[in-house]
Structures are given as C-alpha cells and as structure tokens.
C-alpha cells in the first residue's frame, strides 16, 4: 500500500475513534473522495506518459509541392534533361532532409 494512502486511512481511522461510529458515512465518503482524486491523478500521469509527442506537419504539403512545378519547369527549359535530373535530385534532397529533421 502506498504511504500516502496508508496515512489517509490512519487519519480517517483516528478521526473515527475520536468522533465515534455516528460519523462513519461522512468519514468513509471523505476517505473515498481523497482516494478517488489520487487515482485520477495517477491515471492522468500514466496517460500523459503514454501520449506520443506531437510531430510537426510533413514538408510534403501540397503547397510546398506546388512550388516545385516552376522549379522543374525552369530547370527543364534551361537545362533540358540534365537540368531536370539536377532539379529532381536537389528537391529530393531538400524534402528528404526536411522529413528526417521533423
């Protein structure tokens, strides 16, 4: 049993001895309320530990990909096949590095 729970139980039992059996429903309700709050706190901690960290959005967003169209068009118009290959490799490197840095 956890030390905090044990202490709460001891305090409740000591209060029962002082007040008598007539206050049992109130003492039990107060004890259960404190235990319930402790359980809720522990569950919230466990859930927080299991929740994965939020990742940034992917750089492969359609808006970012739309910027590639003029780059590829200009590279193909000026450099022909060699320009296209160079542009595709450069864009693949940029998006690859951005994806792994997320």
C-alpha atoms as a PDB file:
ATOM      1  CA  UNK A   1       0.000   0.000   0.000  1.00  0.00           C
ATOM      2  CA  UNK A   2       1.250   3.475  -0.851  1.00  0.00           C
ATOM      3  CA  UNK A   3       2.420   5.600   2.100  1.00  0.00           C
ATOM      4  CA  UNK A   4       0.015   8.410   1.207  1.00  0.00           C
ATOM      5  CA  UNK A   5      -2.953   6.043   1.107  1.00  0.00           C
ATOM      6  CA  UNK A   6      -1.863   4.398   4.344  1.00  0.00           C
ATOM      7  CA  UNK A   7      -1.604   7.800   6.047  1.00  0.00           C
ATOM      8  CA  UNK A   8      -5.045   8.831   4.775  1.00  0.00           C
ATOM      9  CA  UNK A   9      -6.510   5.599   6.153  1.00  0.00           C
ATOM     10  CA  UNK A  10      -4.797   6.070   9.516  1.00  0.00           C
ATOM     11  CA  UNK A  11      -6.079   9.658   9.749  1.00  0.00           C
ATOM     12  CA  UNK A  12      -9.609   8.513   8.892  1.00  0.00           C
ATOM     13  CA  UNK A  13      -9.476   5.739  11.490  1.00  0.00           C
ATOM     14  CA  UNK A  14      -8.140   8.149  14.125  1.00  0.00           C
ATOM     15  CA  UNK A  15     -10.960  10.570  13.326  1.00  0.00           C
ATOM     16  CA  UNK A  16     -13.464   7.701  13.686  1.00  0.00           C
ATOM     17  CA  UNK A  17     -12.119   6.864  17.118  1.00  0.00           C
ATOM     18  CA  UNK A  18     -12.492  10.499  18.205  1.00  0.00           C
ATOM     19  CA  UNK A  19     -15.893  11.148  16.655  1.00  0.00           C
ATOM     20  CA  UNK A  20     -17.498   7.750  17.132  1.00  0.00           C
ATOM     21  CA  UNK A  21     -19.412   5.453  14.831  1.00  0.00           C
ATOM     22  CA  UNK A  22     -22.123   8.039  14.167  1.00  0.00           C
ATOM     23  CA  UNK A  23     -19.913   9.837  11.667  1.00  0.00           C
ATOM     24  CA  UNK A  24     -18.897   6.745   9.689  1.00  0.00           C
ATOM     25  CA  UNK A  25     -20.748   7.665   6.462  1.00  0.00           C
ATOM     26  CA  UNK A  26     -19.103  11.102   6.309  1.00  0.00           C
ATOM     27  CA  UNK A  27     -15.647   9.728   7.152  1.00  0.00           C
ATOM     28  CA  UNK A  28     -15.927   6.966   4.566  1.00  0.00           C
ATOM     29  CA  UNK A  29     -17.195   9.395   1.927  1.00  0.00           C
ATOM     30  CA  UNK A  30     -14.310  11.798   2.625  1.00  0.00           C
ATOM     31  CA  UNK A  31     -11.754   8.978   2.520  1.00  0.00           C
ATOM     32  CA  UNK A  32     -13.139   7.601  -0.739  1.00  0.00           C
ATOM     33  CA  UNK A  33     -13.162  11.082  -2.256  1.00  0.00           C
ATOM     34  CA  UNK A  34      -9.474  11.556  -1.438  1.00  0.00           C
ATOM     35  CA  UNK A  35      -8.634   8.106  -2.808  1.00  0.00           C
ATOM     36  CA  UNK A  36     -10.609   8.846  -5.978  1.00  0.00           C
ATOM     37  CA  UNK A  37      -8.659  12.077  -6.544  1.00  0.00           C
ATOM     38  CA  UNK A  38      -5.374  10.221  -6.009  1.00  0.00           C
ATOM     39  CA  UNK A  39      -6.375   7.523  -8.506  1.00  0.00           C
ATOM     40  CA  UNK A  40      -7.392  10.161 -11.061  1.00  0.00           C
ATOM     41  CA  UNK A  41      -4.038  11.892 -10.633  1.00  0.00           C
ATOM     42  CA  UNK A  42      -2.141   8.633 -11.158  1.00  0.00           C
ATOM     43  CA  UNK A  43      -4.175   7.700 -14.237  1.00  0.00           C
ATOM     44  CA  UNK A  44      -3.606  11.180 -15.714  1.00  0.00           C
ATOM     45  CA  UNK A  45       0.149  10.787 -15.159  1.00  0.00           C
ATOM     46  CA  UNK A  46       0.187   7.408 -16.905  1.00  0.00           C
ATOM     47  CA  UNK A  47      -1.847   8.699 -19.836  1.00  0.00           C
ATOM     48  CA  UNK A  48       0.471  11.704 -20.170  1.00  0.00           C
ATOM     49  CA  UNK A  49       3.494   9.389 -20.299  1.00  0.00           C
ATOM     50  CA  UNK A  50       1.932   7.200 -22.991  1.00  0.00           C
ATOM     51  CA  UNK A  51       0.750  10.027 -25.231  1.00  0.00           C
ATOM     52  CA  UNK A  52       3.215  10.399 -28.104  1.00  0.00           C
ATOM     53  CA  UNK A  53       4.788  13.757 -28.723  1.00  0.00           C
ATOM     54  CA  UNK A  54       3.112  15.760 -31.461  1.00  0.00           C
ATOM     55  CA  UNK A  55       5.130  15.934 -34.639  1.00  0.00           C
ATOM     56  CA  UNK A  56       5.423  18.907 -36.902  1.00  0.00           C
ATOM     57  CA  UNK A  57       3.498  18.725 -40.174  1.00  0.00           C
ATOM     58  CA  UNK A  58       5.158  17.000 -43.093  1.00  0.00           C
ATOM     59  CA  UNK A  59       7.139  19.141 -45.530  1.00  0.00           C
ATOM     60  CA  UNK A  60       5.400  17.219 -48.336  1.00  0.00           C
ATOM     61  CA  UNK A  61       2.410  19.525 -48.042  1.00  0.00           C
ATOM     62  CA  UNK A  62       0.628  20.214 -51.359  1.00  0.00           C
ATOM     63  CA  UNK A  63       1.537  23.905 -51.104  1.00  0.00           C
ATOM     64  CA  UNK A  64       5.215  23.042 -50.849  1.00  0.00           C
ATOM     65  CA  UNK A  65       4.957  20.554 -53.678  1.00  0.00           C
ATOM     66  CA  UNK A  66       3.265  23.200 -55.853  1.00  0.00           C
ATOM     67  CA  UNK A  67       6.415  25.323 -55.546  1.00  0.00           C
ATOM     68  CA  UNK A  68       8.326  22.506 -57.224  1.00  0.00           C
ATOM     69  CA  UNK A  69       6.418  22.946 -60.509  1.00  0.00           C
ATOM     70  CA  UNK A  70       8.087  26.213 -61.564  1.00  0.00           C
ATOM     71  CA  UNK A  71      11.479  24.965 -60.369  1.00  0.00           C
ATOM     72  CA  UNK A  72      11.165  21.858 -62.537  1.00  0.00           C
ATOM     73  CA  UNK A  73       9.769  23.836 -65.493  1.00  0.00           C
ATOM     74  CA  UNK A  74      12.615  26.360 -65.416  1.00  0.00           C
ATOM     75  CA  UNK A  75      15.244  23.641 -64.924  1.00  0.00           C
ATOM     76  CA  UNK A  76      13.800  21.647 -67.836  1.00  0.00           C
ATOM     77  CA  UNK A  77      13.534  24.696 -70.091  1.00  0.00           C
ATOM     78  CA  UNK A  78      17.062  25.920 -69.452  1.00  0.00           C
ATOM     79  CA  UNK A  79      18.991  22.752 -68.744  1.00  0.00           C
ATOM     80  CA  UNK A  80      16.888  20.194 -70.595  1.00  0.00           C
ATOM     81  CA  UNK A  81      17.389  16.627 -69.335  1.00  0.00           C
ATOM     82  CA  UNK A  82      20.448  17.450 -67.219  1.00  0.00           C
ATOM     83  CA  UNK A  83      18.568  20.365 -65.618  1.00  0.00           C
ATOM     84  CA  UNK A  84      15.564  18.160 -64.848  1.00  0.00           C
ATOM     85  CA  UNK A  85      17.733  15.482 -63.260  1.00  0.00           C
ATOM     86  CA  UNK A  86      19.580  18.075 -61.194  1.00  0.00           C
ATOM     87  CA  UNK A  87      16.319  19.712 -60.072  1.00  0.00           C
ATOM     88  CA  UNK A  88      14.746  16.390 -59.108  1.00  0.00           C
ATOM     89  CA  UNK A  89      17.815  15.339 -57.115  1.00  0.00           C
ATOM     90  CA  UNK A  90      18.014  18.711 -55.363  1.00  0.00           C
ATOM     91  CA  UNK A  91      14.307  18.670 -54.470  1.00  0.00           C
ATOM     92  CA  UNK A  92      14.523  15.066 -53.261  1.00  0.00           C
ATOM     93  CA  UNK A  93      17.462  16.004 -51.022  1.00  0.00           C
ATOM     94  CA  UNK A  94      15.689  19.082 -49.629  1.00  0.00           C
ATOM     95  CA  UNK A  95      12.462  17.214 -48.864  1.00  0.00           C
ATOM     96  CA  UNK A  96      14.360  14.186 -47.534  1.00  0.00           C
ATOM     97  CA  UNK A  97      16.388  16.285 -45.092  1.00  0.00           C
ATOM     98  CA  UNK A  98      13.286  18.220 -44.031  1.00  0.00           C
ATOM     99  CA  UNK A  99      11.376  14.971 -43.431  1.00  0.00           C
ATOM    100  CA  UNK A 100      14.116  13.444 -41.281  1.00  0.00           C
ATOM    101  CA  UNK A 101      14.501  16.632 -39.209  1.00  0.00           C
ATOM    102  CA  UNK A 102      10.846  16.523 -38.098  1.00  0.00           C
END
